[in-house]
Amino acid sequence: HAMSVAFRLHRKGLPIVCIPKSVENDIAVTSLAFGYDSALG
């Protein structure tokens, strides 16, 4: 939901860049989200 909110705010004119975080490593566009390696350990 946070990513979709960022997308909608960008469409309303806010310049925004997102950084993926996930202990599940499930974000489609990146092979490794930060936080996953620590969670795995």
PDB file of all heavy atoms in Angstrom:
ATOM      1  N   HIS A   1       0.831  -1.199   0.000  1.00  0.00           N
ATOM      2  CA  HIS A   1       0.000   0.000   0.000  1.00  0.00           C
ATOM      3  C   HIS A   1       0.869   1.254   0.000  1.00  0.00           C
ATOM      4  O   HIS A   1       0.541   2.235  -0.666  1.00  0.00           O
ATOM      5  CB  HIS A   1      -0.921  -0.009   1.215  1.00  0.00           C
ATOM      6  CG  HIS A   1      -1.981   1.038   1.159  1.00  0.00           C
ATOM      7  ND1 HIS A   1      -2.928   1.079   0.160  1.00  0.00           N
ATOM      8  CD2 HIS A   1      -2.235   2.107   1.955  1.00  0.00           C
ATOM      9  CE1 HIS A   1      -3.719   2.112   0.347  1.00  0.00           C
ATOM     10  NE2 HIS A   1      -3.321   2.757   1.433  1.00  0.00           N
ATOM     11  N   ALA A   2       1.976   1.227   0.718  1.00  0.00           N
ATOM     12  CA  ALA A   2       2.870   2.385   0.753  1.00  0.00           C
ATOM     13  C   ALA A   2       3.412   2.693  -0.640  1.00  0.00           C
ATOM     14  O   ALA A   2       3.546   3.858  -1.018  1.00  0.00           O
ATOM     15  CB  ALA A   2       4.020   2.133   1.734  1.00  0.00           C
ATOM     16  N   MET A   3       3.713   1.654  -1.413  1.00  0.00           N
ATOM     17  CA  MET A   3       4.216   1.885  -2.762  1.00  0.00           C
ATOM     18  C   MET A   3       3.132   2.480  -3.653  1.00  0.00           C
ATOM     19  O   MET A   3       3.398   3.370  -4.474  1.00  0.00           O
ATOM     20  CB  MET A   3       4.751   0.572  -3.357  1.00  0.00           C
ATOM     21  CG  MET A   3       5.614   0.777  -4.581  1.00  0.00           C
ATOM     22  SD  MET A   3       6.351  -0.764  -5.199  1.00  0.00           S
ATOM     23  CE  MET A   3       7.460  -1.164  -3.840  1.00  0.00           C
ATOM     24  N   SER A   4       1.908   2.013  -3.497  1.00  0.00           N
ATOM     25  CA  SER A   4       0.817   2.562  -4.309  1.00  0.00           C
ATOM     26  C   SER A   4       0.513   4.007  -3.914  1.00  0.00           C
ATOM     27  O   SER A   4       0.185   4.836  -4.769  1.00  0.00           O
ATOM     28  CB  SER A   4      -0.436   1.698  -4.176  1.00  0.00           C
ATOM     29  OG  SER A   4      -0.966   1.753  -2.868  1.00  0.00           O
ATOM     30  N   VAL A   5       0.640   4.321  -2.617  1.00  0.00           N
ATOM     31  CA  VAL A   5       0.461   5.702  -2.169  1.00  0.00           C
ATOM     32  C   VAL A   5       1.524   6.597  -2.800  1.00  0.00           C
ATOM     33  O   VAL A   5       1.227   7.693  -3.284  1.00  0.00           O
ATOM     34  CB  VAL A   5       0.517   5.793  -0.631  1.00  0.00           C
ATOM     35  CG1 VAL A   5       0.665   7.241  -0.178  1.00  0.00           C
ATOM     36  CG2 VAL A   5      -0.738   5.183  -0.016  1.00  0.00           C
ATOM     37  N   ALA A   6       2.779   6.120  -2.813  1.00  0.00           N
ATOM     38  CA  ALA A   6       3.854   6.892  -3.429  1.00  0.00           C
ATOM     39  C   ALA A   6       3.572   7.133  -4.912  1.00  0.00           C
ATOM     40  O   ALA A   6       3.798   8.233  -5.435  1.00  0.00           O
ATOM     41  CB  ALA A   6       5.186   6.157  -3.253  1.00  0.00           C
ATOM     42  N   PHE A   7       3.065   6.115  -5.599  1.00  0.00           N
ATOM     43  CA  PHE A   7       2.748   6.234  -7.019  1.00  0.00           C
ATOM     44  C   PHE A   7       1.652   7.284  -7.239  1.00  0.00           C
ATOM     45  O   PHE A   7       1.753   8.116  -8.148  1.00  0.00           O
ATOM     46  CB  PHE A   7       2.301   4.876  -7.556  1.00  0.00           C
ATOM     47  CG  PHE A   7       1.923   4.882  -9.010  1.00  0.00           C
ATOM     48  CD1 PHE A   7       2.887   5.067  -9.993  1.00  0.00           C
ATOM     49  CD2 PHE A   7       0.605   4.704  -9.394  1.00  0.00           C
ATOM     50  CE1 PHE A   7       2.543   5.073 -11.336  1.00  0.00           C
ATOM     51  CE2 PHE A   7       0.247   4.707 -10.734  1.00  0.00           C
ATOM     52  CZ  PHE A   7       1.226   4.892 -11.709  1.00  0.00           C
ATOM     53  N   ARG A   8       0.628   7.263  -6.408  1.00  0.00           N
ATOM     54  CA  ARG A   8      -0.476   8.211  -6.558  1.00  0.00           C
ATOM     55  C   ARG A   8      -0.022   9.637  -6.247  1.00  0.00           C
ATOM     56  O   ARG A   8      -0.446  10.595  -6.906  1.00  0.00           O
ATOM     57  CB  ARG A   8      -1.636   7.809  -5.650  1.00  0.00           C
ATOM     58  CG  ARG A   8      -2.282   6.489  -6.045  1.00  0.00           C
ATOM     59  CD  ARG A   8      -3.304   6.050  -5.014  1.00  0.00           C
ATOM     60  NE  ARG A   8      -4.464   6.937  -4.996  1.00  0.00           N
ATOM     61  CZ  ARG A   8      -5.436   6.851  -4.086  1.00  0.00           C
ATOM     62  NH1 ARG A   8      -5.353   5.944  -3.123  1.00  0.00           N
ATOM     63  NH2 ARG A   8      -6.466   7.680  -4.134  1.00  0.00           N
ATOM     64  N   LEU A   9       0.848   9.794  -5.251  1.00  0.00           N
ATOM     65  CA  LEU A   9       1.369  11.128  -4.943  1.00  0.00           C
ATOM     66  C   LEU A   9       2.230  11.648  -6.087  1.00  0.00           C
ATOM     67  O   LEU A   9       2.207  12.849  -6.408  1.00  0.00           O
ATOM     68  CB  LEU A   9       2.170  11.091  -3.645  1.00  0.00           C
ATOM     69  CG  LEU A   9       1.361  10.904  -2.358  1.00  0.00           C
ATOM     70  CD1 LEU A   9       2.298  10.715  -1.167  1.00  0.00           C
ATOM     71  CD2 LEU A   9       0.430  12.102  -2.116  1.00  0.00           C
ATOM     72  N   HIS A  10       3.008  10.754  -6.695  1.00  0.00           N
ATOM     73  CA  HIS A  10       3.818  11.173  -7.844  1.00  0.00           C
ATOM     74  C   HIS A  10       2.925  11.636  -8.989  1.00  0.00           C
ATOM     75  O   HIS A  10       3.223  12.651  -9.657  1.00  0.00           O
ATOM     76  CB  HIS A  10       4.717  10.031  -8.299  1.00  0.00           C
ATOM     77  CG  HIS A  10       5.448  10.317  -9.580  1.00  0.00           C
ATOM     78  ND1 HIS A  10       6.413  11.302  -9.682  1.00  0.00           N
ATOM     79  CD2 HIS A  10       5.333   9.769 -10.817  1.00  0.00           C
ATOM     80  CE1 HIS A  10       6.872  11.343 -10.915  1.00  0.00           C
ATOM     81  NE2 HIS A  10       6.220  10.436 -11.625  1.00  0.00           N
ATOM     82  N   ARG A  11       1.836  10.937  -9.221  1.00  0.00           N
ATOM     83  CA  ARG A  11       0.922  11.318 -10.302  1.00  0.00           C
ATOM     84  C   ARG A  11       0.269  12.666 -10.017  1.00  0.00           C
ATOM     85  O   ARG A  11      -0.187  13.347 -10.951  1.00  0.00           O
ATOM     86  CB  ARG A  11      -0.149  10.239 -10.495  1.00  0.00           C
ATOM     87  CG  ARG A  11       0.418   8.921 -11.011  1.00  0.00           C
ATOM     88  CD  ARG A  11      -0.678   7.935 -11.342  1.00  0.00           C
ATOM     89  NE  ARG A  11      -1.491   8.392 -12.458  1.00  0.00           N
ATOM     90  CZ  ARG A  11      -2.518   7.692 -12.946  1.00  0.00           C
ATOM     91  NH1 ARG A  11      -2.849   6.535 -12.416  1.00  0.00           N
ATOM     92  NH2 ARG A  11      -3.222   8.162 -13.963  1.00  0.00           N
ATOM     93  N   LYS A  12       0.233  13.064  -8.750  1.00  0.00           N
ATOM     94  CA  LYS A  12      -0.321  14.376  -8.403  1.00  0.00           C
ATOM     95  C   LYS A  12       0.762  15.457  -8.396  1.00  0.00           C
ATOM     96  O   LYS A  12       0.488  16.594  -8.015  1.00  0.00           O
ATOM     97  CB  LYS A  12      -1.006  14.318  -7.030  1.00  0.00           C
ATOM     98  CG  LYS A  12      -2.222  13.395  -6.995  1.00  0.00           C
ATOM     99  CD  LYS A  12      -3.006  13.532  -5.706  1.00  0.00           C
ATOM    100  CE  LYS A  12      -3.826  14.807  -5.706  1.00  0.00           C
ATOM    101  NZ  LYS A  12      -4.828  14.842  -4.603  1.00  0.00           N
ATOM    102  N   GLY A  13       1.992  15.075  -8.790  1.00  0.00           N
ATOM    103  CA  GLY A  13       3.029  16.082  -8.969  1.00  0.00           C
ATOM    104  C   GLY A  13       4.200  16.029  -8.011  1.00  0.00           C
ATOM    105  O   GLY A  13       5.100  16.869  -8.105  1.00  0.00           O
ATOM    106  N   LEU A  14       4.226  15.078  -7.078  1.00  0.00           N
ATOM    107  CA  LEU A  14       5.323  15.010  -6.113  1.00  0.00           C
ATOM    108  C   LEU A  14       6.489  14.203  -6.693  1.00  0.00           C
ATOM    109  O   LEU A  14       6.334  13.020  -6.978  1.00  0.00           O
ATOM    110  CB  LEU A  14       4.843  14.360  -4.812  1.00  0.00           C
ATOM    111  CG  LEU A  14       5.905  14.222  -3.713  1.00  0.00           C
ATOM    112  CD1 LEU A  14       6.345  15.604  -3.227  1.00  0.00           C
ATOM    113  CD2 LEU A  14       5.377  13.382  -2.554  1.00  0.00           C
ATOM    114  N   PRO A  15       7.677  14.800  -6.855  1.00  0.00           N
ATOM    115  CA  PRO A  15       8.847  14.028  -7.290  1.00  0.00           C
ATOM    116  C   PRO A  15       9.256  13.070  -6.163  1.00  0.00           C
ATOM    117  O   PRO A  15       9.630  13.519  -5.077  1.00  0.00           O
ATOM    118  CB  PRO A  15       9.916  15.094  -7.537  1.00  0.00           C
ATOM    119  CG  PRO A  15       9.168  16.385  -7.655  1.00  0.00           C
ATOM    120  CD  PRO A  15       7.981  16.236  -6.753  1.00  0.00           C
ATOM    121  N   ILE A  16       9.180  11.778  -6.396  1.00  0.00           N
ATOM    122  CA  ILE A  16       9.427  10.811  -5.337  1.00  0.00           C
ATOM    123  C   ILE A  16      10.193   9.608  -5.889  1.00  0.00           C
ATOM    124  O   ILE A  16       9.959   9.171  -7.021  1.00  0.00           O
ATOM    125  CB  ILE A  16       8.093  10.353  -4.691  1.00  0.00           C
ATOM    126  CG1 ILE A  16       8.337   9.520  -3.436  1.00  0.00           C
ATOM    127  CG2 ILE A  16       7.212   9.621  -5.682  1.00  0.00           C
ATOM    128  CD1 ILE A  16       7.078   9.315  -2.599  1.00  0.00           C
ATOM    129  N   VAL A  17      11.143   9.133  -5.102  1.00  0.00           N
ATOM    130  CA  VAL A  17      11.892   7.913  -5.434  1.00  0.00           C
ATOM    131  C   VAL A  17      11.751   6.968  -4.247  1.00  0.00           C
ATOM    132  O   VAL A  17      11.939   7.375  -3.094  1.00  0.00           O
ATOM    133  CB  VAL A  17      13.378   8.212  -5.715  1.00  0.00           C
ATOM    134  CG1 VAL A  17      14.167   6.908  -5.844  1.00  0.00           C
ATOM    135  CG2 VAL A  17      13.529   9.042  -6.985  1.00  0.00           C
ATOM    136  N   CYS A  18      11.418   5.718  -4.518  1.00  0.00           N
ATOM    137  CA  CYS A  18      11.200   4.733  -3.465  1.00  0.00           C
ATOM    138  C   CYS A  18      12.400   3.808  -3.310  1.00  0.00           C
ATOM    139  O   CYS A  18      13.079   3.481  -4.295  1.00  0.00           O
ATOM    140  CB  CYS A  18       9.954   3.902  -3.753  1.00  0.00           C
ATOM    141  SG  CYS A  18       8.417   4.837  -3.691  1.00  0.00           S
ATOM    142  N   ILE A  19      12.637   3.393  -2.074  1.00  0.00           N
ATOM    143  CA  ILE A  19      13.688   2.421  -1.764  1.00  0.00           C
ATOM    144  C   ILE A  19      13.013   1.183  -1.180  1.00  0.00           C
ATOM    145  O   ILE A  19      12.229   1.303  -0.237  1.00  0.00           O
ATOM    146  CB  ILE A  19      14.692   3.006  -0.761  1.00  0.00           C
ATOM    147  CG1 ILE A  19      15.461   4.176  -1.395  1.00  0.00           C
ATOM    148  CG2 ILE A  19      15.674   1.942  -0.276  1.00  0.00           C
ATOM    149  CD1 ILE A  19      16.398   4.885  -0.443  1.00  0.00           C
ATOM    150  N   PRO A  20      13.284  -0.003  -1.736  1.00  0.00           N
ATOM    151  CA  PRO A  20      12.584  -1.202  -1.277  1.00  0.00           C
ATOM    152  C   PRO A  20      13.183  -1.795  -0.002  1.00  0.00           C
ATOM    153  O   PRO A  20      14.388  -1.999   0.103  1.00  0.00           O
ATOM    154  CB  PRO A  20      12.763  -2.165  -2.449  1.00  0.00           C
ATOM    155  CG  PRO A  20      14.071  -1.774  -3.048  1.00  0.00           C
ATOM    156  CD  PRO A  20      14.183  -0.279  -2.866  1.00  0.00           C
ATOM    157  N   LYS A  21      12.323  -2.063   0.975  1.00  0.00           N
ATOM    158  CA  LYS A  21      12.728  -2.791   2.176  1.00  0.00           C
ATOM    159  C   LYS A  21      11.798  -3.983   2.338  1.00  0.00           C
ATOM    160  O   LYS A  21      10.589  -3.887   2.119  1.00  0.00           O
ATOM    161  CB  LYS A  21      12.669  -1.906   3.418  1.00  0.00           C
ATOM    162  CG  LYS A  21      11.281  -1.502   3.886  1.00  0.00           C
ATOM    163  CD  LYS A  21      11.350  -0.695   5.165  1.00  0.00           C
ATOM    164  CE  LYS A  21       9.967  -0.231   5.643  1.00  0.00           C
ATOM    165  NZ  LYS A  21       9.127  -1.335   6.119  1.00  0.00           N
ATOM    166  N   SER A  22      12.349  -5.122   2.691  1.00  0.00           N
ATOM    167  CA  SER A  22      11.505  -6.292   2.876  1.00  0.00           C
ATOM    168  C   SER A  22      12.303  -7.424   3.497  1.00  0.00           C
ATOM    169  O   SER A  22      13.316  -7.847   2.944  1.00  0.00           O
ATOM    170  CB  SER A  22      10.915  -6.765   1.546  1.00  0.00           C
ATOM    171  OG  SER A  22      10.206  -7.971   1.712  1.00  0.00           O
ATOM    172  N   VAL A  23      11.837  -7.934   4.653  1.00  0.00           N
ATOM    173  CA  VAL A  23      12.477  -9.123   5.219  1.00  0.00           C
ATOM    174  C   VAL A  23      11.976 -10.377   4.506  1.00  0.00           C
ATOM    175  O   VAL A  23      12.449 -11.476   4.773  1.00  0.00           O
ATOM    176  CB  VAL A  23      12.206  -9.239   6.734  1.00  0.00           C
ATOM    177  CG1 VAL A  23      12.771  -8.042   7.478  1.00  0.00           C
ATOM    178  CG2 VAL A  23      10.730  -9.428   7.034  1.00  0.00           C
ATOM    179  N   GLU A  24      11.026 -10.211   3.585  1.00  0.00           N
ATOM    180  CA  GLU A  24      10.513 -11.344   2.816  1.00  0.00           C
ATOM    181  C   GLU A  24      11.134 -11.411   1.421  1.00  0.00           C
ATOM    182  O   GLU A  24      10.936 -12.386   0.705  1.00  0.00           O
ATOM    183  CB  GLU A  24       8.988 -11.240   2.718  1.00  0.00           C
ATOM    184  CG  GLU A  24       8.319 -11.188   4.091  1.00  0.00           C
ATOM    185  CD  GLU A  24       6.822 -10.940   4.009  1.00  0.00           C
ATOM    186  OE1 GLU A  24       6.253 -11.103   2.910  1.00  0.00           O
ATOM    187  OE2 GLU A  24       6.211 -10.597   5.029  1.00  0.00           O
ATOM    188  N   ASN A  25      11.848 -10.361   1.028  1.00  0.00           N
ATOM    189  CA  ASN A  25      12.524 -10.281  -0.271  1.00  0.00           C
ATOM    190  C   ASN A  25      11.568 -10.533  -1.429  1.00  0.00           C
ATOM    191  O   ASN A  25      11.906 -11.209  -2.404  1.00  0.00           O
ATOM    192  CB  ASN A  25      13.699 -11.268  -0.340  1.00  0.00           C
ATOM    193  CG  ASN A  25      14.788 -10.803  -1.288  1.00  0.00           C
ATOM    194  OD1 ASN A  25      14.981  -9.613  -1.485  1.00  0.00           O
ATOM    195  ND2 ASN A  25      15.511 -11.739  -1.874  1.00  0.00           N
ATOM    196  N   ASP A  26      10.379  -9.959  -1.340  1.00  0.00           N
ATOM    197  CA  ASP A  26       9.323 -10.274  -2.304  1.00  0.00           C
ATOM    198  C   ASP A  26       8.997  -9.126  -3.257  1.00  0.00           C
ATOM    199  O   ASP A  26       7.973  -9.160  -3.927  1.00  0.00           O
ATOM    200  CB  ASP A  26       8.054 -10.674  -1.548  1.00  0.00           C
ATOM    201  CG  ASP A  26       7.609  -9.600  -0.547  1.00  0.00           C
ATOM    202  OD1 ASP A  26       8.312  -8.579  -0.426  1.00  0.00           O
ATOM    203  OD2 ASP A  26       6.577  -9.802   0.107  1.00  0.00           O
ATOM    204  N   ILE A  27       9.860  -8.113  -3.315  1.00  0.00           N
ATOM    205  CA  ILE A  27       9.614  -6.989  -4.221  1.00  0.00           C
ATOM    206  C   ILE A  27      10.119  -7.360  -5.610  1.00  0.00           C
ATOM    207  O   ILE A  27      11.303  -7.675  -5.797  1.00  0.00           O
ATOM    208  CB  ILE A  27      10.283  -5.710  -3.702  1.00  0.00           C
ATOM    209  CG1 ILE A  27       9.701  -5.355  -2.323  1.00  0.00           C
ATOM    210  CG2 ILE A  27      10.084  -4.556  -4.675  1.00  0.00           C
ATOM    211  CD1 ILE A  27      10.343  -4.165  -1.669  1.00  0.00           C
ATOM    212  N   ALA A  28       9.225  -7.318  -6.580  1.00  0.00           N
ATOM    213  CA  ALA A  28       9.487  -7.932  -7.882  1.00  0.00           C
ATOM    214  C   ALA A  28      10.668  -7.341  -8.623  1.00  0.00           C
ATOM    215  O   ALA A  28      11.363  -8.049  -9.347  1.00  0.00           O
ATOM    216  CB  ALA A  28       8.221  -7.843  -8.745  1.00  0.00           C
ATOM    217  N   VAL A  29      10.924  -6.047  -8.486  1.00  0.00           N
ATOM    218  CA  VAL A  29      11.902  -5.399  -9.354  1.00  0.00           C
ATOM    219  C   VAL A  29      13.330  -5.494  -8.840  1.00  0.00           C
ATOM    220  O   VAL A  29      14.259  -5.074  -9.529  1.00  0.00           O
ATOM    221  CB  VAL A  29      11.533  -3.918  -9.569  1.00  0.00           C
ATOM    222  CG1 VAL A  29      10.205  -3.798 -10.287  1.00  0.00           C
ATOM    223  CG2 VAL A  29      11.511  -3.175  -8.249  1.00  0.00           C
ATOM    224  N   THR A  30      13.544  -6.033  -7.656  1.00  0.00           N
ATOM    225  CA  THR A  30      14.896  -6.087  -7.103  1.00  0.00           C
ATOM    226  C   THR A  30      15.227  -7.484  -6.624  1.00  0.00           C
ATOM    227  O   THR A  30      14.370  -8.186  -6.083  1.00  0.00           O
ATOM    228  CB  THR A  30      15.065  -5.071  -5.949  1.00  0.00           C
ATOM    229  OG1 THR A  30      16.422  -5.058  -5.525  1.00  0.00           O
ATOM    230  CG2 THR A  30      14.167  -5.404  -4.778  1.00  0.00           C
ATOM    231  N   SER A  31      16.464  -7.907  -6.844  1.00  0.00           N
ATOM    232  CA  SER A  31      16.881  -9.227  -6.389  1.00  0.00           C
ATOM    233  C   SER A  31      17.115  -9.277  -4.895  1.00  0.00           C
ATOM    234  O   SER A  31      17.051 -10.350  -4.284  1.00  0.00           O
ATOM    235  CB  SER A  31      18.177  -9.651  -7.112  1.00  0.00           C
ATOM    236  OG  SER A  31      17.949  -9.832  -8.487  1.00  0.00           O
ATOM    237  N   LEU A  32      17.405  -8.122  -4.292  1.00  0.00           N
ATOM    238  CA  LEU A  32      17.698  -8.108  -2.864  1.00  0.00           C
ATOM    239  C   LEU A  32      17.257  -6.783  -2.257  1.00  0.00           C
ATOM    240  O   LEU A  32      17.858  -5.747  -2.502  1.00  0.00           O
ATOM    241  CB  LEU A  32      19.200  -8.330  -2.620  1.00  0.00           C
ATOM    242  CG  LEU A  32      19.636  -8.494  -1.167  1.00  0.00           C
ATOM    243  CD1 LEU A  32      18.957  -9.705  -0.538  1.00  0.00           C
ATOM    244  CD2 LEU A  32      21.144  -8.632  -1.064  1.00  0.00           C
ATOM    245  N   ALA A  33      16.201  -6.843  -1.465  1.00  0.00           N
ATOM    246  CA  ALA A  33      15.771  -5.676  -0.696  1.00  0.00           C
ATOM    247  C   ALA A  33      16.613  -5.605   0.564  1.00  0.00           C
ATOM    248  O   ALA A  33      16.991  -6.637   1.130  1.00  0.00           O
ATOM    249  CB  ALA A  33      14.291  -5.793  -0.346  1.00  0.00           C
ATOM    250  N   PHE A  34      16.897  -4.386   1.032  1.00  0.00           N
ATOM    251  CA  PHE A  34      17.689  -4.308   2.249  1.00  0.00           C
ATOM    252  C   PHE A  34      16.831  -4.800   3.417  1.00  0.00           C
ATOM    253  O   PHE A  34      15.610  -4.653   3.435  1.00  0.00           O
ATOM    254  CB  PHE A  34      18.223  -2.889   2.478  1.00  0.00           C
ATOM    255  CG  PHE A  34      17.273  -1.954   3.156  1.00  0.00           C
ATOM    256  CD1 PHE A  34      17.206  -1.876   4.544  1.00  0.00           C
ATOM    257  CD2 PHE A  34      16.450  -1.131   2.414  1.00  0.00           C
ATOM    258  CE1 PHE A  34      16.333  -1.000   5.175  1.00  0.00           C
ATOM    259  CE2 PHE A  34      15.578  -0.246   3.024  1.00  0.00           C
ATOM    260  CZ  PHE A  34      15.512  -0.193   4.409  1.00  0.00           C
ATOM    261  N   GLY A  35      17.473  -5.400   4.390  1.00  0.00           N
ATOM    262  CA  GLY A  35      16.780  -5.993   5.528  1.00  0.00           C
ATOM    263  C   GLY A  35      16.664  -7.503   5.433  1.00  0.00           C
ATOM    264  O   GLY A  35      16.576  -8.191   6.450  1.00  0.00           O
ATOM    265  N   TYR A  36      16.670  -8.034   4.201  1.00  0.00           N
ATOM    266  CA  TYR A  36      16.471  -9.476   4.045  1.00  0.00           C
ATOM    267  C   TYR A  36      17.661 -10.278   4.553  1.00  0.00           C
ATOM    268  O   TYR A  36      17.492 -11.307   5.231  1.00  0.00           O
ATOM    269  CB  TYR A  36      16.198  -9.821   2.587  1.00  0.00           C
ATOM    270  CG  TYR A  36      16.046 -11.319   2.370  1.00  0.00           C
ATOM    271  CD1 TYR A  36      14.934 -11.988   2.855  1.00  0.00           C
ATOM    272  CD2 TYR A  36      17.030 -12.059   1.707  1.00  0.00           C
ATOM    273  CE1 TYR A  36      14.796 -13.356   2.678  1.00  0.00           C
ATOM    274  CE2 TYR A  36      16.891 -13.420   1.535  1.00  0.00           C
ATOM    275  CZ  TYR A  36      15.777 -14.061   2.016  1.00  0.00           C
ATOM    276  OH  TYR A  36      15.647 -15.421   1.850  1.00  0.00           O
ATOM    277  N   ASP A  37      18.865  -9.860   4.238  1.00  0.00           N
ATOM    278  CA  ASP A  37      20.039 -10.622   4.652  1.00  0.00           C
ATOM    279  C   ASP A  37      20.120 -10.731   6.175  1.00  0.00           C
ATOM    280  O   ASP A  37      20.435 -11.794   6.716  1.00  0.00           O
ATOM    281  CB  ASP A  37      21.308  -9.970   4.105  1.00  0.00           C
ATOM    282  CG  ASP A  37      22.558 -10.771   4.418  1.00  0.00           C
ATOM    283  OD1 ASP A  37      22.715 -11.874   3.857  1.00  0.00           O
ATOM    284  OD2 ASP A  37      23.370 -10.290   5.242  1.00  0.00           O
ATOM    285  N   SER A  38      19.815  -9.654   6.864  1.00  0.00           N
ATOM    286  CA  SER A  38      19.819  -9.684   8.324  1.00  0.00           C
ATOM    287  C   SER A  38      18.746 -10.625   8.851  1.00  0.00           C
ATOM    288  O   SER A  38      18.986 -11.432   9.758  1.00  0.00           O
ATOM    289  CB  SER A  38      19.585  -8.279   8.882  1.00  0.00           C
ATOM    290  OG  SER A  38      20.579  -7.382   8.449  1.00  0.00           O
ATOM    291  N   ALA A  39      17.538 -10.528   8.285  1.00  0.00           N
ATOM    292  CA  ALA A  39      16.438 -11.384   8.727  1.00  0.00           C
ATOM    293  C   ALA A  39      16.762 -12.862   8.493  1.00  0.00           C
ATOM    294  O   ALA A  39      16.443 -13.711   9.328  1.00  0.00           O
ATOM    295  CB  ALA A  39      15.156 -11.008   7.999  1.00  0.00           C
ATOM    296  N   LEU A  40      17.416 -13.147   7.371  1.00  0.00           N
ATOM    297  CA  LEU A  40      17.795 -14.527   7.075  1.00  0.00           C
ATOM    298  C   LEU A  40      18.785 -15.050   8.113  1.00  0.00           C
ATOM    299  O   LEU A  40      18.669 -16.193   8.587  1.00  0.00           O
ATOM    300  CB  LEU A  40      18.396 -14.608   5.669  1.00  0.00           C
ATOM    301  CG  LEU A  40      18.881 -15.986   5.205  1.00  0.00           C
ATOM    302  CD1 LEU A  40      17.743 -17.000   5.228  1.00  0.00           C
ATOM    303  CD2 LEU A  40      19.477 -15.890   3.797  1.00  0.00           C
ATOM    304  N   GLY A  41      19.745 -14.223   8.491  1.00  0.00           N
ATOM    305  CA  GLY A  41      20.700 -14.634   9.514  1.00  0.00           C
ATOM    306  C   GLY A  41      20.044 -14.848  10.862  1.00  0.00           C
ATOM    307  O   GLY A  41      20.304 -15.846  11.550  1.00  0.00           O
TER     308      GLY A  41
END
